[in-house]
């Protein structure tokens, strides 16, 4: 049974939604990453991929593009999922921080810390 699906949010384009009930603490996605070295960042900034990047590396000196559903989660200051960079596996792992109902949108906080309310590079619709 699929856990996730993509749907139009009706507000800001596509989003990732639960295709079944998800329990708190559940690992819902392991997104392999493409690592972009610090020296290559200037090229990435000129593309649409700039809006879909994650910080990466021991000291966050690099950038990563998450494959799978990873780069498609929308932002929320009240997310229902958190993510961890798994450097050994070269993936970003996404875990539910609340129970998520079937059909509910799945969101992350782009500031990495689910509690961080710092401004982002775009106007947040929350």
C-alpha atoms as a PDB file:
ATOM      1  CA  UNK A   1       0.000   0.000   0.000  1.00  0.00           C
ATOM      2  CA  UNK A   2       1.325   3.425  -0.933  1.00  0.00           C
ATOM      3  CA  UNK A   3       2.028   5.797   1.936  1.00  0.00           C
ATOM      4  CA  UNK A   4       2.328   9.045  -0.042  1.00  0.00           C
ATOM      5  CA  UNK A   5       0.831  10.657  -3.124  1.00  0.00           C
ATOM      6  CA  UNK A   6       1.029  13.983  -4.949  1.00  0.00           C
ATOM      7  CA  UNK A   7      -2.035  16.229  -5.286  1.00  0.00           C
ATOM      8  CA  UNK A   8      -2.785  19.842  -6.110  1.00  0.00           C
ATOM      9  CA  UNK A   9      -3.080  21.818  -2.875  1.00  0.00           C
ATOM     10  CA  UNK A  10      -5.542  24.311  -4.316  1.00  0.00           C
ATOM     11  CA  UNK A  11      -3.404  27.088  -2.770  1.00  0.00           C
ATOM     12  CA  UNK A  12       0.201  26.834  -3.929  1.00  0.00           C
ATOM     13  CA  UNK A  13       0.628  24.063  -6.476  1.00  0.00           C
ATOM     14  CA  UNK A  14       1.487  20.459  -5.786  1.00  0.00           C
ATOM     15  CA  UNK A  15       1.985  18.919  -2.390  1.00  0.00           C
ATOM     16  CA  UNK A  16       2.604  15.554  -0.790  1.00  0.00           C
ATOM     17  CA  UNK A  17      -0.360  13.888   0.910  1.00  0.00           C
ATOM     18  CA  UNK A  18      -0.858  10.826   3.072  1.00  0.00           C
ATOM     19  CA  UNK A  19      -2.360   7.932   1.119  1.00  0.00           C
ATOM     20  CA  UNK A  20      -3.139   6.153   4.397  1.00  0.00           C
ATOM     21  CA  UNK A  21      -3.098   6.920   8.120  1.00  0.00           C
ATOM     22  CA  UNK A  22       0.446   7.539   9.391  1.00  0.00           C
ATOM     23  CA  UNK A  23       1.428   7.197  13.047  1.00  0.00           C
ATOM     24  CA  UNK A  24       3.685   9.520  15.049  1.00  0.00           C
ATOM     25  CA  UNK A  25       7.339   8.466  14.754  1.00  0.00           C
ATOM     26  CA  UNK A  26       6.818   6.516  11.546  1.00  0.00           C
ATOM     27  CA  UNK A  27       9.520   6.764   8.872  1.00  0.00           C
ATOM     28  CA  UNK A  28       7.501   7.824   5.832  1.00  0.00           C
ATOM     29  CA  UNK A  29      10.163   8.543   3.206  1.00  0.00           C
ATOM     30  CA  UNK A  30      13.831   7.853   2.569  1.00  0.00           C
ATOM     31  CA  UNK A  31      14.886  10.200  -0.224  1.00  0.00           C
ATOM     32  CA  UNK A  32      18.250   9.488  -1.847  1.00  0.00           C
ATOM     33  CA  UNK A  33      20.135  12.708  -2.553  1.00  0.00           C
ATOM     34  CA  UNK A  34      22.293  14.202  -5.245  1.00  0.00           C
ATOM     35  CA  UNK A  35      25.055  16.118  -3.496  1.00  0.00           C
ATOM     36  CA  UNK A  36      26.030  19.514  -4.868  1.00  0.00           C
ATOM     37  CA  UNK A  37      29.462  20.615  -3.670  1.00  0.00           C
ATOM     38  CA  UNK A  38      29.980  24.121  -2.341  1.00  0.00           C
ATOM     39  CA  UNK A  39      32.055  24.945  -5.439  1.00  0.00           C
ATOM     40  CA  UNK A  40      29.061  24.090  -7.679  1.00  0.00           C
ATOM     41  CA  UNK A  41      26.452  26.068  -5.697  1.00  0.00           C
ATOM     42  CA  UNK A  42      26.770  29.152  -7.927  1.00  0.00           C
ATOM     43  CA  UNK A  43      25.468  27.138 -10.883  1.00  0.00           C
ATOM     44  CA  UNK A  44      22.542  25.674  -8.972  1.00  0.00           C
ATOM     45  CA  UNK A  45      21.452  29.138  -7.825  1.00  0.00           C
ATOM     46  CA  UNK A  46      20.680  29.969 -11.466  1.00  0.00           C
ATOM     47  CA  UNK A  47      18.130  27.159 -11.801  1.00  0.00           C
ATOM     48  CA  UNK A  48      14.683  26.282 -10.482  1.00  0.00           C
ATOM     49  CA  UNK A  49      16.357  23.619  -8.335  1.00  0.00           C
ATOM     50  CA  UNK A  50      17.535  26.410  -6.015  1.00  0.00           C
ATOM     51  CA  UNK A  51      14.055  26.390  -4.421  1.00  0.00           C
ATOM     52  CA  UNK A  52      14.220  22.645  -3.726  1.00  0.00           C
ATOM     53  CA  UNK A  53      17.598  22.272  -2.018  1.00  0.00           C
ATOM     54  CA  UNK A  54      18.557  21.047   1.429  1.00  0.00           C
ATOM     55  CA  UNK A  55      21.721  21.906   3.313  1.00  0.00           C
ATOM     56  CA  UNK A  56      24.137  18.978   3.463  1.00  0.00           C
ATOM     57  CA  UNK A  57      27.405  17.817   4.979  1.00  0.00           C
ATOM     58  CA  UNK A  58      29.071  17.556   8.382  1.00  0.00           C
ATOM     59  CA  UNK A  59      29.103  21.355   8.666  1.00  0.00           C
ATOM     60  CA  UNK A  60      26.286  22.030   6.187  1.00  0.00           C
ATOM     61  CA  UNK A  61      28.855  23.218   3.667  1.00  0.00           C
ATOM     62  CA  UNK A  62      27.179  21.541   0.701  1.00  0.00           C
ATOM     63  CA  UNK A  63      23.710  21.265  -0.760  1.00  0.00           C
ATOM     64  CA  UNK A  64      21.584  18.256  -1.640  1.00  0.00           C
ATOM     65  CA  UNK A  65      18.710  17.659  -4.019  1.00  0.00           C
ATOM     66  CA  UNK A  66      16.341  15.082  -2.555  1.00  0.00           C
ATOM     67  CA  UNK A  67      14.918  12.567  -4.993  1.00  0.00           C
ATOM     68  CA  UNK A  68      11.626  10.737  -4.527  1.00  0.00           C
ATOM     69  CA  UNK A  69       9.087  12.841  -2.618  1.00  0.00           C
ATOM     70  CA  UNK A  70      11.779  14.653  -0.632  1.00  0.00           C
ATOM     71  CA  UNK A  71      11.920  17.923  -2.560  1.00  0.00           C
ATOM     72  CA  UNK A  72       8.139  18.131  -2.958  1.00  0.00           C
ATOM     73  CA  UNK A  73       7.062  18.575   0.667  1.00  0.00           C
ATOM     74  CA  UNK A  74       5.613  22.044   1.252  1.00  0.00           C
ATOM     75  CA  UNK A  75       6.672  24.265   4.140  1.00  0.00           C
ATOM     76  CA  UNK A  76       4.717  24.920   7.305  1.00  0.00           C
ATOM     77  CA  UNK A  77       5.619  26.554  10.615  1.00  0.00           C
ATOM     78  CA  UNK A  78       3.403  23.843  12.142  1.00  0.00           C
ATOM     79  CA  UNK A  79       4.730  20.791  10.258  1.00  0.00           C
ATOM     80  CA  UNK A  80       3.610  17.228  10.796  1.00  0.00           C
ATOM     81  CA  UNK A  81       6.922  15.737   9.610  1.00  0.00           C
ATOM     82  CA  UNK A  82      10.575  16.347  10.491  1.00  0.00           C
ATOM     83  CA  UNK A  83      13.598  15.374   8.468  1.00  0.00           C
ATOM     84  CA  UNK A  84      17.144  14.227   9.187  1.00  0.00           C
ATOM     85  CA  UNK A  85      20.143  14.199   6.897  1.00  0.00           C
ATOM     86  CA  UNK A  86      21.468  10.649   6.842  1.00  0.00           C
ATOM     87  CA  UNK A  87      25.047  11.250   5.720  1.00  0.00           C
ATOM     88  CA  UNK A  88      26.026   7.563   5.861  1.00  0.00           C
ATOM     89  CA  UNK A  89      23.118   6.513   3.641  1.00  0.00           C
ATOM     90  CA  UNK A  90      23.246   9.682   1.499  1.00  0.00           C
ATOM     91  CA  UNK A  91      19.563  10.222   2.057  1.00  0.00           C
ATOM     92  CA  UNK A  92      17.145  12.534   3.803  1.00  0.00           C
ATOM     93  CA  UNK A  93      14.847  10.596   6.103  1.00  0.00           C
ATOM     94  CA  UNK A  94      11.374  11.947   6.928  1.00  0.00           C
ATOM     95  CA  UNK A  95       9.542  11.026  10.161  1.00  0.00           C
ATOM     96  CA  UNK A  96       6.001  11.844  11.278  1.00  0.00           C
ATOM     97  CA  UNK A  97       5.936  14.079  14.375  1.00  0.00           C
ATOM     98  CA  UNK A  98       2.146  13.802  14.679  1.00  0.00           C
ATOM     99  CA  UNK A  99      -0.465  11.304  13.597  1.00  0.00           C
ATOM    100  CA  UNK A 100      -1.394  12.151  10.006  1.00  0.00           C
ATOM    101  CA  UNK A 101      -4.796  11.270   8.609  1.00  0.00           C
ATOM    102  CA  UNK A 102      -5.441   9.665   5.244  1.00  0.00           C
ATOM    103  CA  UNK A 103      -5.650  12.493   2.695  1.00  0.00           C
ATOM    104  CA  UNK A 104      -3.916  15.097   4.912  1.00  0.00           C
ATOM    105  CA  UNK A 105      -1.122  17.200   3.438  1.00  0.00           C
ATOM    106  CA  UNK A 106       2.338  16.378   4.736  1.00  0.00           C
ATOM    107  CA  UNK A 107       4.523  19.399   5.506  1.00  0.00           C
ATOM    108  CA  UNK A 108       8.004  20.119   6.830  1.00  0.00           C
ATOM    109  CA  UNK A 109       9.625  23.228   8.244  1.00  0.00           C
ATOM    110  CA  UNK A 110      12.184  24.401   5.698  1.00  0.00           C
ATOM    111  CA  UNK A 111      14.249  25.849   8.555  1.00  0.00           C
ATOM    112  CA  UNK A 112      15.108  22.221   9.477  1.00  0.00           C
ATOM    113  CA  UNK A 113      14.000  22.585  13.113  1.00  0.00           C
ATOM    114  CA  UNK A 114      10.239  21.979  13.370  1.00  0.00           C
ATOM    115  CA  UNK A 115      10.026  24.771  15.987  1.00  0.00           C
ATOM    116  CA  UNK A 116      12.021  27.399  14.037  1.00  0.00           C
ATOM    117  CA  UNK A 117       9.817  30.313  12.915  1.00  0.00           C
ATOM    118  CA  UNK A 118      12.594  32.251  11.138  1.00  0.00           C
ATOM    119  CA  UNK A 119      11.565  34.019   7.923  1.00  0.00           C
ATOM    120  CA  UNK A 120      12.148  32.243   4.618  1.00  0.00           C
ATOM    121  CA  UNK A 121      12.989  33.523   1.135  1.00  0.00           C
ATOM    122  CA  UNK A 122       9.273  33.572   0.210  1.00  0.00           C
ATOM    123  CA  UNK A 123       6.014  34.650   1.820  1.00  0.00           C
ATOM    124  CA  UNK A 124       4.669  31.768   3.892  1.00  0.00           C
ATOM    125  CA  UNK A 125       1.008  30.760   3.561  1.00  0.00           C
ATOM    126  CA  UNK A 126       0.303  28.838   6.760  1.00  0.00           C
END
